[in-house]
Amino acid sequence: MIKNIRVSGFSRRPAIALELGDSNDHEYGVKIAFKTPSGQLPKTDLLIVLSAEGKKPKLPSGVSVPPNALKSFGGESRETRFADAVEGPAARVLLIGLGKGKKIDPDTVRRAAAIAVQKAEKTDAASATFWIDLALGKQAAELGQALGEGIVMGAYRLTDFKSDPKTESLKKVSIHAVTDFNRGAKIGEMTGGGNALSRRLQDTPANKMRPKDMVAEARKIARLSPRISVKAIDEKGMAKLKMGSLLSVSQGSAEPAYLIHLVYKPAKKAKRRICLVGKGLTFDSGGISIKPSARMDEMKYDMSGGAAVLGTFHSLAALNPDVEVHGLVPTSENLLNGEAVKPGDVVTACNGLTIEVLNTDAEGRLILADALAYAEETIKPDAMIDLATLTGAVVVALGHELTGVMGNDQALIDALVASGEETSEAVWPLPIVDFHKKDMKGEVGDLRNISSPGTGAGSSTAGAFLSNFVGEIPWAHLDIAGTAWGASDRDYQGGPKGTGVGVRLLLDYLRKQ
């Protein structure tokens, strides 16, 4: 990628848990209970009440707080008020505002849930209860999903490499809400768990998340459900498949490359076959076209596309969409030694196209090329989506809040944009036109792996390069170089760490198929 800018093995856990029934190994710890808001509130260390601006918060029967706590609370978006309960089974009460408007914004609920679990942890609460007594109407399931996601995502922590990590106090979370809200919250629990797993993989240091560790994570996910299977093609197998483009990137590393192939088969007959491809560059030094040393540590995040695919598969079996899903993760390190690929070398992809490697730091497209061509030839999906931290140009174009999308099928692009709106993982279309494709033609080989110096449009030309490996299959490319880390803090994700971007987006898209 051109961008200057709990773990001893594979079973450590973020602070809060997902419960996914028979499809989960309870990797994330704490059980979330779902109840209706009737009867007596059980004893709890922290009661959380969400309230819209201008509305008086509705407390459960028997619970009261000092009058000034209610009087001073306005309900503005993300506004909080703590109060010790005067009477009732709750020790403390936390009021959180949802802002004003006729409709409640799901992302505000997602942020409020994250704020709540973080404040529960800071106050050493062992149990927390969400009391949802709002007029939700048709929004109930949607807002429930946002709350479930916010709880799990907001509680994510990576403490695996601390010599004396703080013991998390929060052990139990309960949601008291109407049935439709709870149904949505259970889905949010699943999608949020996939995001948290993806972030754990992203944030793990590169010496602990090598290509072989990505393979181990994929195998662990496959053990969650009999509907998921996995195989890992090693370098010998890739050589037989003539994947010279993918293999060229790992030439300078002591760590062997792999092509991970996950398959999810639904319980019912599959209506469609979808292939997800995620760039799994576990560390990118730039190779001989070496990167500046400043912030090179962030290049552990160059596997974020692969992490998104694994996070998606973590949640797939529990959500059980009626589509067959294939997940490909070409995973490799881009380092340099005497055997590393050199600028000007020519490599051959498995579809026979030759590529001039004019910049060894444009390596992501080289590993994706063989993965896409493999999918086109062997999987033959109805649609294909790849995710990659591919270009610094997309950060210049869209910043850290929007993922760029481009491809050869407008309906697929539109569907991903719509799922971005649904999940608050915003996606913005970028073009691939004939000019971009022409500029990627090589002089010595069929293609070149970077565009001409004066062309610009680095994200579109990278997409144009990839378009040579998908055939006629409807395909979309998501450039997540800006959104995979460094995004604005949204309480449930953001800041300098990984965001897990793509997981909730893909799950929303797959459920709609």
Protein backbone atom coordinates (compact mmCIF):
# COMPACT_ATOMS: atom_id res chain seq x y z
CA MET A 1 0.00 0.00 0.00
CA ILE A 2 1.36 3.44 -0.92
CA LYS A 3 0.66 5.53 2.15
CA ASN A 4 3.18 7.74 3.92
CA ILE A 5 1.53 8.73 6.41
CA ARG A 6 -5.56 -10.62 24.96
CA VAL A 7 -3.11 -12.75 23.14
CA SER A 8 -0.59 -15.39 23.55
CA GLY A 9 -2.10 -17.22 20.64
CA PHE A 10 -5.55 -16.99 19.18
CA SER A 11 -8.07 -17.07 22.01
CA ARG A 12 -7.88 -13.77 23.87
CA ARG A 13 -11.03 -11.74 24.37
CA PRO A 14 -12.23 -8.14 24.36
CA ALA A 15 -13.98 -6.97 27.48
CA ILE A 16 -17.59 -7.77 26.60
CA ALA A 17 -19.09 -10.86 25.12
CA LEU A 18 -21.19 -12.01 22.31
CA GLU A 19 -23.62 -14.83 22.78
CA LEU A 20 -24.27 -16.45 19.42
CA GLY A 21 -25.86 -19.72 20.47
CA ASP A 22 -24.53 -22.79 18.72
CA SER A 23 -22.39 -20.78 16.30
CA ASN A 24 -20.14 -19.07 18.82
CA ASP A 25 -17.36 -20.26 21.05
CA HIS A 26 -18.15 -17.40 23.49
CA GLU A 27 -14.87 -15.79 22.54
CA TYR A 28 -15.95 -12.39 23.80
CA GLY A 29 -16.84 -13.27 27.38
CA VAL A 30 -19.86 -11.75 29.06
CA LYS A 31 -23.40 -12.87 28.42
CA ILE A 32 -25.94 -10.23 27.41
CA ALA A 33 -29.43 -10.94 28.73
CA PHE A 34 -32.63 -9.79 26.99
CA LYS A 35 -35.82 -9.02 28.92
CA THR A 36 -39.06 -7.09 28.42
CA PRO A 37 -39.56 -3.85 30.41
CA SER A 38 -42.31 -5.26 32.63
CA GLY A 39 -42.40 -6.17 36.25
CA GLN A 40 -39.78 -5.22 38.80
CA LEU A 41 -36.32 -4.11 37.80
CA PRO A 42 -33.74 -6.59 39.11
CA LYS A 43 -30.84 -5.44 41.24
CA THR A 44 -28.13 -3.73 39.19
CA ASP A 45 -25.04 -1.62 39.81
CA LEU A 46 -25.86 0.79 37.00
CA LEU A 47 -29.20 1.56 35.37
CA ILE A 48 -28.91 3.21 31.94
CA VAL A 49 -31.84 5.23 30.61
CA LEU A 50 -31.85 6.79 27.12
CA SER A 51 -33.98 9.87 26.58
CA ALA A 52 -34.69 12.27 23.72
CA GLU A 53 -34.14 16.00 24.04
CA GLY A 54 -37.09 17.80 25.61
CA LYS A 55 -38.55 14.60 27.07
CA LYS A 56 -38.49 13.64 30.72
CA PRO A 57 -36.51 10.39 31.21
CA LYS A 58 -38.75 7.43 32.05
CA LEU A 59 -37.37 5.54 35.04
CA PRO A 60 -38.58 2.05 35.99
CA SER A 61 -41.21 1.75 38.68
CA GLY A 62 -39.69 2.04 42.15
CA VAL A 63 -36.50 3.81 41.02
CA SER A 64 -35.98 7.46 41.89
CA VAL A 65 -33.08 9.89 41.75
CA PRO A 66 -32.57 13.37 43.23
CA PRO A 67 -34.89 15.87 41.44
CA ASN A 68 -31.98 18.05 40.34
CA ALA A 69 -30.52 15.16 38.30
CA LEU A 70 -33.63 15.05 36.13
CA LYS A 71 -34.05 18.84 36.05
CA SER A 72 -30.49 19.47 34.87
CA PHE A 73 -30.65 16.84 32.12
CA GLY A 74 -31.64 18.21 28.71
CA GLY A 75 -31.33 15.10 26.56
CA GLU A 76 -28.94 16.56 24.01
CA SER A 77 -27.13 14.02 21.87
CA ARG A 78 -24.57 12.08 23.99
CA GLU A 79 -25.25 14.27 27.06
CA THR A 80 -24.79 12.27 30.27
CA ARG A 81 -25.88 12.63 33.91
CA PHE A 82 -24.81 10.32 36.73
CA ALA A 83 -26.86 10.10 39.92
CA ASP A 84 -26.99 7.83 42.95
CA ALA A 85 -30.43 6.26 43.20
CA VAL A 86 -32.53 7.45 46.15
CA GLU A 87 -34.55 4.24 46.16
CA GLY A 88 -35.01 1.10 44.11
CA PRO A 89 -32.81 -1.84 43.04
CA ALA A 90 -30.33 0.27 41.05
CA ALA A 91 -27.28 1.59 42.88
CA ARG A 92 -26.63 4.34 40.34
CA VAL A 93 -28.45 5.77 37.33
CA LEU A 94 -26.91 7.05 34.10
CA LEU A 95 -29.02 9.24 31.82
CA ILE A 96 -27.85 9.56 28.20
CA GLY A 97 -29.33 11.96 25.65
CA LEU A 98 -30.41 11.02 22.14
CA GLY A 99 -30.87 14.54 20.77
CA LYS A 100 -33.96 16.01 19.15
CA GLY A 101 -35.94 15.04 16.10
CA LYS A 102 -38.95 12.95 15.17
CA LYS A 103 -36.77 9.92 14.40
CA ILE A 104 -33.97 8.63 16.58
CA ASP A 105 -30.62 8.35 14.79
CA PRO A 106 -29.27 4.76 15.04
CA ASP A 107 -25.67 5.96 15.21
CA THR A 108 -26.56 8.13 18.21
CA VAL A 109 -27.93 5.00 19.94
CA ARG A 110 -24.79 3.09 18.96
CA ARG A 111 -22.62 5.82 20.48
CA ALA A 112 -24.80 6.05 23.59
CA ALA A 113 -24.46 2.30 24.20
CA ALA A 114 -20.69 2.54 23.89
CA ILE A 115 -20.58 5.49 26.28
CA ALA A 116 -22.67 3.55 28.77
CA VAL A 117 -20.49 0.43 28.91
CA GLN A 118 -17.33 2.55 29.10
CA LYS A 119 -18.71 4.57 32.01
CA ALA A 120 -19.87 1.37 33.69
CA GLU A 121 -16.32 0.08 33.49
CA LYS A 122 -14.84 3.33 34.80
CA THR A 123 -17.14 3.23 37.82
CA ASP A 124 -16.32 -0.45 38.52
CA ALA A 125 -19.89 -1.58 37.93
CA ALA A 126 -20.16 -5.36 37.73
CA SER A 127 -23.66 -5.26 36.22
CA ALA A 128 -25.39 -2.76 33.94
CA THR A 129 -29.00 -2.63 32.79
CA PHE A 130 -30.40 -0.74 29.79
CA TRP A 131 -34.00 0.31 30.38
CA ILE A 132 -35.52 1.13 26.96
CA ASP A 133 -38.96 2.69 27.43
CA LEU A 134 -39.28 4.80 24.29
CA ALA A 135 -41.85 5.13 21.50
CA LEU A 136 -39.84 3.35 18.80
CA GLY A 137 -42.46 2.19 16.30
CA LYS A 138 -40.97 0.73 13.10
CA GLN A 139 -37.50 1.76 14.24
CA ALA A 140 -37.42 -0.74 17.12
CA ALA A 141 -35.36 -3.48 15.48
CA GLU A 142 -33.02 -1.02 13.77
CA LEU A 143 -32.32 0.83 17.02
CA GLY A 144 -31.96 -2.43 18.91
CA GLN A 145 -29.28 -3.53 16.48
CA ALA A 146 -27.46 -0.23 16.96
CA LEU A 147 -27.57 -0.68 20.75
CA GLY A 148 -26.26 -4.24 20.56
CA GLU A 149 -23.42 -3.16 18.29
CA GLY A 150 -22.55 -0.23 20.54
CA ILE A 151 -22.36 -2.41 23.66
CA VAL A 152 -19.95 -4.90 22.11
CA MET A 153 -17.90 -2.45 20.07
CA GLY A 154 -17.68 0.10 22.88
CA ALA A 155 -16.35 -2.51 25.28
CA TYR A 156 -13.57 -3.72 22.97
CA ARG A 157 -10.09 -3.62 24.51
CA LEU A 158 -6.75 -5.14 23.52
CA THR A 159 -4.82 -5.83 26.71
CA ASP A 160 -3.10 -9.01 25.58
CA PHE A 161 0.37 -7.51 25.62
CA LYS A 162 0.18 -5.82 29.03
CA SER A 163 2.22 -7.50 31.74
CA ASP A 164 -0.44 -6.71 34.35
CA PRO A 165 -3.71 -5.90 32.56
CA LYS A 166 -6.55 -4.36 34.51
CA THR A 167 -9.28 -6.85 35.33
CA GLU A 168 -12.50 -5.76 33.68
CA SER A 169 -15.23 -5.15 36.25
CA LEU A 170 -18.29 -5.34 33.98
CA LYS A 171 -19.54 -8.93 33.96
CA LYS A 172 -23.22 -8.70 33.04
CA VAL A 173 -25.29 -6.53 30.71
CA SER A 174 -29.08 -6.71 30.51
CA ILE A 175 -31.38 -5.07 27.99
CA HIS A 176 -35.01 -4.48 29.00
CA ALA A 177 -36.98 -3.59 25.87
CA VAL A 178 -39.85 -4.65 23.61
CA THR A 179 -39.46 -7.87 21.61
CA ASP A 180 -38.61 -6.24 18.26
CA PHE A 181 -35.92 -4.13 19.89
CA ASN A 182 -34.39 -7.17 21.57
CA ARG A 183 -34.49 -9.10 18.30
CA GLY A 184 -32.49 -6.31 16.68
CA ALA A 185 -30.13 -6.13 19.65
CA LYS A 186 -29.28 -9.81 19.24
CA ILE A 187 -28.34 -9.15 15.62
CA GLY A 188 -26.27 -6.17 16.77
CA GLU A 189 -24.53 -8.43 19.25
CA MET A 190 -23.46 -10.65 16.35
CA THR A 191 -22.40 -7.91 13.95
CA GLY A 192 -20.62 -6.01 16.70
CA GLY A 193 -18.74 -9.16 17.64
CA GLY A 194 -17.46 -9.57 14.09
CA ASN A 195 -16.26 -5.97 14.19
CA ALA A 196 -14.49 -6.51 17.51
CA LEU A 197 -12.72 -9.61 16.20
CA SER A 198 -11.59 -7.71 13.12
CA ARG A 199 -10.18 -4.92 15.30
CA ARG A 200 -8.31 -7.40 17.48
CA LEU A 201 -6.61 -8.80 14.39
CA GLN A 202 -5.84 -5.28 13.15
CA ASP A 203 -4.42 -4.02 16.44
CA THR A 204 -2.26 -7.08 17.14
CA PRO A 205 1.42 -6.30 16.42
CA ALA A 206 2.80 -7.64 13.15
CA ASN A 207 5.19 -10.07 14.87
CA LYS A 208 2.13 -11.71 16.48
CA MET A 209 -0.16 -11.48 13.44
CA ARG A 210 1.87 -13.05 10.65
CA PRO A 211 0.40 -14.78 7.59
CA LYS A 212 0.43 -18.12 9.43
CA ASP A 213 -1.42 -16.46 12.33
CA MET A 214 -4.10 -15.24 9.91
CA VAL A 215 -4.46 -18.85 8.78
CA ALA A 216 -4.84 -19.99 12.40
CA GLU A 217 -7.53 -17.33 12.99
CA ALA A 218 -9.43 -18.52 9.91
CA ARG A 219 -9.31 -22.10 11.12
CA LYS A 220 -10.56 -21.04 14.52
CA ILE A 221 -13.52 -19.28 12.87
CA ALA A 222 -14.30 -22.39 10.81
CA ARG A 223 -14.55 -24.39 14.04
CA LEU A 224 -17.43 -22.18 15.18
CA SER A 225 -19.93 -23.75 12.81
CA PRO A 226 -20.32 -26.85 10.63
CA ARG A 227 -21.56 -24.48 7.90
CA ILE A 228 -18.10 -22.91 7.56
CA SER A 229 -15.10 -24.66 6.03
CA VAL A 230 -11.58 -23.44 5.31
CA LYS A 231 -8.49 -24.36 3.38
CA ALA A 232 -5.15 -22.57 3.20
CA ILE A 233 -3.17 -22.77 -0.03
CA ASP A 234 0.54 -22.57 0.75
CA GLU A 235 3.32 -21.26 -1.48
CA LYS A 236 3.86 -24.67 -3.09
CA GLY A 237 0.16 -24.87 -3.93
CA MET A 238 0.14 -21.30 -5.24
CA ALA A 239 3.13 -22.09 -7.45
CA LYS A 240 1.17 -24.97 -8.99
CA LEU A 241 -1.65 -22.51 -9.66
CA LYS A 242 0.90 -20.16 -11.29
CA MET A 243 0.19 -17.29 -8.87
CA GLY A 244 3.40 -15.46 -9.64
CA SER A 245 1.96 -12.06 -8.79
CA LEU A 246 0.92 -13.04 -5.26
CA LEU A 247 4.11 -15.01 -4.62
CA SER A 248 6.36 -12.15 -5.72
CA VAL A 249 5.43 -10.00 -2.74
CA SER A 250 6.67 -12.48 -0.12
CA GLN A 251 10.03 -13.13 -1.82
CA GLY A 252 11.85 -10.80 0.58
CA SER A 253 10.25 -12.21 3.76
CA ALA A 254 11.12 -15.24 5.87
CA GLU A 255 7.37 -15.67 6.49
CA PRO A 256 5.61 -17.72 3.80
CA ALA A 257 2.49 -16.40 2.10
CA TYR A 258 -0.91 -18.15 2.03
CA LEU A 259 -4.21 -17.86 0.22
CA ILE A 260 -6.98 -18.49 2.75
CA HIS A 261 -10.28 -19.76 1.31
CA LEU A 262 -13.28 -19.78 3.65
CA VAL A 263 -16.70 -21.05 2.54
CA TYR A 264 -20.05 -20.50 4.27
CA LYS A 265 -22.98 -22.68 3.18
CA PRO A 266 -26.44 -21.59 4.42
CA ALA A 267 -28.88 -23.93 6.13
CA LYS A 268 -31.30 -23.47 3.20
CA LYS A 269 -30.57 -23.66 -0.50
CA ALA A 270 -28.33 -20.76 -1.46
CA LYS A 271 -29.99 -18.05 -3.53
CA ARG A 272 -26.72 -16.49 -4.67
CA ARG A 273 -22.97 -17.03 -4.43
CA ILE A 274 -20.94 -14.06 -3.21
CA CYS A 275 -17.16 -13.85 -2.97
CA LEU A 276 -15.40 -11.49 -0.53
CA VAL A 277 -11.68 -10.84 -1.03
CA GLY A 278 -9.60 -9.08 1.63
CA LYS A 279 -6.03 -7.87 1.33
CA GLY A 280 -4.02 -9.53 4.11
CA LEU A 281 -0.65 -7.75 4.06
CA THR A 282 0.38 -8.34 7.68
CA PHE A 283 3.22 -5.84 7.38
CA ASP A 284 4.22 -3.58 4.52
CA SER A 285 7.69 -2.05 4.56
CA GLY A 286 7.30 -1.04 0.94
CA GLY A 287 9.91 -3.58 -0.13
CA ILE A 288 12.86 -2.15 -2.06
CA SER A 289 10.71 0.95 -2.71
CA ILE A 290 10.91 1.34 1.06
CA LYS A 291 8.59 3.59 3.01
CA PRO A 292 9.76 6.48 5.24
CA SER A 293 10.38 5.29 8.79
CA ALA A 294 7.91 7.75 10.35
CA ARG A 295 4.68 5.92 11.19
CA MET A 296 5.82 2.73 9.48
CA ASP A 297 4.56 0.91 12.58
CA GLU A 298 1.04 1.61 11.27
CA MET A 299 1.68 -0.75 8.38
CA LYS A 300 0.51 -3.62 10.55
CA TYR A 301 -2.91 -2.30 9.48
CA ASP A 302 -2.27 -3.21 5.84
CA MET A 303 -4.14 -6.47 6.50
CA SER A 304 -7.37 -4.66 7.42
CA GLY A 305 -9.23 -5.94 4.35
CA GLY A 306 -8.40 -9.51 5.32
CA ALA A 307 -9.40 -8.78 8.92
CA ALA A 308 -12.77 -7.53 7.67
CA VAL A 309 -13.37 -10.75 5.75
CA LEU A 310 -12.50 -12.86 8.81
CA GLY A 311 -14.68 -10.68 11.04
CA THR A 312 -17.57 -11.11 8.60
CA PHE A 313 -17.20 -14.89 8.63
CA HIS A 314 -17.12 -14.87 12.43
CA SER A 315 -20.72 -13.61 12.42
CA LEU A 316 -22.06 -15.28 9.28
CA ALA A 317 -23.23 -18.60 10.68
CA ALA A 318 -25.21 -16.93 13.46
CA LEU A 319 -26.95 -14.54 11.05
CA ASN A 320 -27.52 -17.37 8.54
CA PRO A 321 -28.15 -15.41 5.33
CA ASP A 322 -29.48 -17.52 2.44
CA VAL A 323 -26.41 -16.95 0.29
CA GLU A 324 -23.28 -19.00 -0.23
CA VAL A 325 -20.30 -16.87 0.76
CA HIS A 326 -16.67 -17.43 -0.16
CA GLY A 327 -13.95 -15.48 1.61
CA LEU A 328 -10.48 -15.17 0.12
CA VAL A 329 -7.59 -13.64 2.08
CA PRO A 330 -4.25 -13.48 0.27
CA THR A 331 -1.89 -12.93 3.21
CA SER A 332 1.77 -12.02 2.98
CA GLU A 333 4.55 -9.77 4.29
CA ASN A 334 6.26 -7.18 2.08
CA LEU A 335 9.84 -7.02 3.32
CA LEU A 336 13.20 -6.74 1.59
CA ASN A 337 16.27 -8.91 1.32
CA GLY A 338 18.48 -10.16 -1.49
CA GLU A 339 15.61 -12.19 -2.94
CA ALA A 340 12.98 -9.42 -2.86
CA VAL A 341 11.26 -8.43 -6.07
CA LYS A 342 13.00 -5.42 -7.68
CA PRO A 343 11.51 -2.36 -9.36
CA GLY A 344 11.28 -3.22 -13.05
CA ASP A 345 10.82 -6.97 -12.52
CA VAL A 346 8.06 -8.70 -14.47
CA VAL A 347 5.76 -11.23 -12.77
CA THR A 348 2.97 -13.37 -14.18
CA ALA A 349 -0.48 -13.71 -12.62
CA CYS A 350 -2.45 -16.95 -12.71
CA ASN A 351 -4.66 -15.70 -15.56
CA GLY A 352 -1.54 -15.31 -17.72
CA LEU A 353 -1.22 -11.52 -17.62
CA THR A 354 2.31 -10.19 -17.09
CA ILE A 355 2.90 -7.25 -14.75
CA GLU A 356 5.79 -4.79 -14.61
CA VAL A 357 6.47 -4.13 -10.92
CA LEU A 358 7.55 -0.49 -11.21
CA ASN A 359 7.04 0.20 -7.50
CA THR A 360 7.30 -2.59 -4.92
CA ASP A 361 5.18 -0.52 -2.51
CA ALA A 362 2.18 -1.02 -4.81
CA GLU A 363 2.06 -4.62 -3.64
CA GLY A 364 -1.54 -4.95 -2.47
CA ARG A 365 -2.84 -5.01 -6.03
CA LEU A 366 -0.33 -7.78 -6.82
CA ILE A 367 -1.68 -10.15 -4.18
CA LEU A 368 -5.29 -9.21 -4.96
CA ALA A 369 -4.76 -9.83 -8.67
CA ASP A 370 -4.20 -13.57 -8.23
CA ALA A 371 -6.94 -13.88 -5.60
CA LEU A 372 -9.49 -12.19 -7.86
CA ALA A 373 -8.44 -14.24 -10.88
CA TYR A 374 -8.64 -17.43 -8.77
CA ALA A 375 -12.19 -16.49 -7.70
CA GLU A 376 -13.22 -15.72 -11.27
CA GLU A 377 -11.89 -19.04 -12.54
CA THR A 378 -12.70 -21.48 -9.72
CA ILE A 379 -15.52 -20.00 -7.60
CA LYS A 380 -17.48 -18.27 -10.39
CA PRO A 381 -19.52 -16.11 -7.98
CA ASP A 382 -22.59 -14.05 -8.84
CA ALA A 383 -20.84 -11.01 -7.36
CA MET A 384 -17.40 -10.23 -5.99
CA ILE A 385 -16.34 -7.56 -3.49
CA ASP A 386 -12.78 -6.85 -2.46
CA LEU A 387 -11.57 -4.69 0.42
CA ALA A 388 -8.07 -3.31 0.66
CA THR A 389 -6.01 -0.58 2.26
CA LEU A 390 -4.83 0.07 -1.25
CA THR A 391 -3.96 3.72 -1.88
CA GLY A 392 -2.95 6.85 -0.02
CA ALA A 393 -4.77 8.68 -2.81
CA VAL A 394 -8.15 7.70 -1.36
CA VAL A 395 -7.21 9.46 1.88
CA VAL A 396 -6.43 12.61 -0.10
CA ALA A 397 -9.74 12.31 -1.97
CA LEU A 398 -12.10 11.25 0.82
CA GLY A 399 -10.28 11.60 4.15
CA HIS A 400 -10.78 9.14 6.98
CA GLU A 401 -14.59 9.09 7.11
CA LEU A 402 -15.49 7.71 3.68
CA THR A 403 -14.54 4.47 1.95
CA GLY A 404 -14.07 4.71 -1.80
CA VAL A 405 -15.96 2.24 -3.97
CA MET A 406 -15.56 1.53 -7.67
CA GLY A 407 -16.20 -1.39 -9.97
CA ASN A 408 -17.90 -2.69 -13.09
CA ASP A 409 -21.49 -3.05 -11.83
CA GLN A 410 -23.57 -0.05 -10.81
CA ALA A 411 -26.22 -2.08 -9.00
CA LEU A 412 -23.57 -3.65 -6.78
CA ILE A 413 -21.96 -0.26 -6.10
CA ASP A 414 -25.38 1.21 -5.24
CA ALA A 415 -26.10 -1.68 -2.86
CA LEU A 416 -22.84 -1.08 -1.01
CA VAL A 417 -23.53 2.66 -0.78
CA ALA A 418 -26.96 1.85 0.69
CA SER A 419 -25.44 -0.55 3.23
CA GLY A 420 -22.94 2.17 4.13
CA GLU A 421 -25.82 4.49 4.95
CA GLU A 422 -27.53 1.80 7.02
CA THR A 423 -24.42 1.00 9.09
CA SER A 424 -22.79 4.46 9.32
CA GLU A 425 -19.81 3.05 7.40
CA ALA A 426 -20.11 5.62 4.64
CA VAL A 427 -19.11 4.65 1.08
CA TRP A 428 -18.52 7.08 -1.79
CA PRO A 429 -18.36 6.10 -5.49
CA LEU A 430 -15.21 6.79 -7.52
CA PRO A 431 -14.87 6.27 -11.28
CA ILE A 432 -12.97 3.78 -13.39
CA VAL A 433 -12.96 5.01 -17.00
CA ASP A 434 -11.11 3.91 -20.12
CA PHE A 435 -8.40 6.51 -19.51
CA HIS A 436 -7.55 4.88 -16.17
CA LYS A 437 -7.42 1.43 -17.76
CA LYS A 438 -5.23 2.61 -20.63
CA ASP A 439 -2.78 4.22 -18.22
CA MET A 440 -2.16 0.86 -16.51
CA LYS A 441 -1.00 -0.83 -19.72
CA GLY A 442 2.66 -1.85 -19.59
CA GLU A 443 5.47 -1.37 -22.07
CA VAL A 444 7.51 -4.49 -21.27
CA GLY A 445 4.63 -6.51 -19.79
CA ASP A 446 0.87 -6.48 -20.27
CA LEU A 447 0.28 -4.23 -17.26
CA ARG A 448 2.20 -1.93 -14.95
CA ASN A 449 1.48 -1.83 -11.22
CA ILE A 450 1.50 1.99 -10.90
CA SER A 451 0.13 4.71 -13.12
CA SER A 452 2.12 7.32 -15.02
CA PRO A 453 3.59 10.10 -12.84
CA GLY A 454 1.35 12.84 -14.21
CA THR A 455 -1.92 10.91 -14.24
CA GLY A 456 -3.11 11.34 -10.65
CA ALA A 457 -6.33 9.54 -9.72
CA GLY A 458 -4.30 6.92 -7.83
CA SER A 459 -7.36 5.17 -6.39
CA SER A 460 -9.11 4.89 -9.76
CA THR A 461 -6.01 3.67 -11.58
CA ALA A 462 -5.48 1.03 -8.87
CA GLY A 463 -9.08 -0.07 -9.39
CA ALA A 464 -8.48 -0.09 -13.15
CA PHE A 465 -5.53 -2.44 -12.60
CA LEU A 466 -7.70 -4.83 -10.56
CA SER A 467 -10.43 -4.80 -13.19
CA ASN A 468 -8.17 -6.93 -15.41
CA PHE A 469 -8.59 -9.91 -13.08
CA VAL A 470 -12.37 -10.19 -12.56
CA GLY A 471 -13.60 -11.09 -16.04
CA GLU A 472 -17.30 -10.39 -16.55
CA ILE A 473 -18.30 -11.01 -12.92
CA PRO A 474 -20.10 -8.08 -11.22
CA TRP A 475 -17.36 -6.64 -9.01
CA ALA A 476 -16.81 -3.79 -6.59
CA HIS A 477 -13.58 -2.66 -4.98
CA LEU A 478 -13.64 -0.95 -1.56
CA ASP A 479 -10.55 1.15 -0.83
CA ILE A 480 -10.46 1.35 2.98
CA ALA A 481 -7.02 2.94 3.35
CA GLY A 482 -8.56 6.00 5.01
CA THR A 483 -11.24 4.33 7.12
CA ALA A 484 -9.42 1.25 8.46
CA TRP A 485 -7.69 3.31 11.15
CA GLY A 486 -7.23 6.97 12.03
CA ALA A 487 -10.96 7.77 11.73
CA SER A 488 -12.78 10.19 14.03
CA ASP A 489 -13.63 8.89 17.48
CA ARG A 490 -17.25 7.69 17.47
CA ASP A 491 -17.17 6.30 21.03
CA TYR A 492 -17.58 2.75 19.71
CA GLN A 493 -14.56 2.95 17.38
CA GLY A 494 -12.09 5.39 15.88
CA GLY A 495 -8.88 7.16 16.77
CA PRO A 496 -5.44 5.71 16.03
CA LYS A 497 -6.49 2.07 16.41
CA GLY A 498 -8.28 -0.20 13.96
CA THR A 499 -11.94 0.42 13.20
CA GLY A 500 -12.98 -2.97 11.85
CA VAL A 501 -14.51 -1.12 8.90
CA GLY A 502 -16.26 -3.31 6.38
CA VAL A 503 -17.60 -6.01 8.67
CA ARG A 504 -20.98 -4.45 9.47
CA LEU A 505 -21.19 -3.10 5.91
CA LEU A 506 -20.68 -6.54 4.36
CA LEU A 507 -23.01 -8.28 6.80
CA ASP A 508 -25.77 -5.77 6.01
CA TYR A 509 -25.22 -6.32 2.28
CA LEU A 510 -25.23 -10.12 2.63
CA ARG A 511 -28.39 -10.17 4.75
CA LYS A 512 -30.18 -8.16 2.06
CA GLN A 513 -29.28 -10.72 -0.60
